[in-house]
Amino acid sequence: MRHQLEPDAATTAPVTAATHARFTDPLLTDQARLARQVVGMLGGRYSAELGIDVDAGDAEIERWFLAATLFGARISARIAERAFRVLDEAGLRRIGQTRHMSSEDLVALLDAGGYARYDFRTATRLQDLSEIIDVRYDGQAAVIGRRYQAYPALRAALIVLPGWGPVTVQLFLRELRGVWRGAQPPLDPRAASGGRHLDLLSTEEGGVGLPDIAQLAIDAGLDVRDLESGLVRLALAHHGTRTPCPGGYQCRVVRAAQSAGKGAADLARGS
């Protein structure tokens, strides 16, 4: 089983008359139109896909912290997403609640979410993390963002948490841009790769940065977080495939998404 630290690319959304009109807006540049297609068809922020609005305040950030922790497990992203929904429906909305549960009850919820082989390990990790958040941050993950307002210090505080590695930190903070002052991670290299693959950005290796993505998002009328995540999804959809892809408007993932068939959904998941 692969080490899944990032959600799989999203299931492709069907192209409706409304989305077709949005993608073909004559006032958009070709690049902005293609950027909209990527987000509209492959998806944007993972938090929004889970029904989490990180712009709405601390309670929603707590939910996103819990979700990001689950995505850091050695498990399929789809199972992690299902487990989050099971915990959420059971009223578990922040990591601090797990230390008030019995291990058996937490394992039962994770098992219902599909963890099976990893439920005991994950339950222990969640409860260990809960203890750390309680001791260091008064039981609230949202305190981390208020305490560390510079990116290096914020990243350092997160990366030492149980189960939190570099990709999980990148995922978590990427979606908190503009919410936490310190949430200013560099552009995800996979987003830069996806942008170059579609000829949206400079083709020079290392020549693409967050300002380039931000300007393209403005041109396309998108939230920069959605565009960055959409390009990460595009890169993940190409991962592990052996068929050469021409890129640009001929990108096979984009073309499959336009067809909105089963093959497109499989490609978008990276399966």
Foldseek 3Di string as FASTA:
>chain_A
DDQFLDAFFFFFDACDPVLVCLLPPVVFDPLLSVLSLLCNTRHFAPLVVLVADLQPDQLSLQQLVQLLLLRLGRDHNQLSSLLSVLCVVVVNRHLLCLLVDDLVVQLVSSVVSPPVVCSSVSSVLSNQLNVVCCVPPVSGPVSLLVVDQAQVVSLVVQCPRRSRHDSSLLSSLLVCVVPRNRSDDKQDVQLVVLCLLQVSDDVDVPPDTLVSLVVSCVSNVHDSRGSSRSSSLLSLLCPPDDDDANGHPRGPLSVLSNVSDPVNSSSSSSD
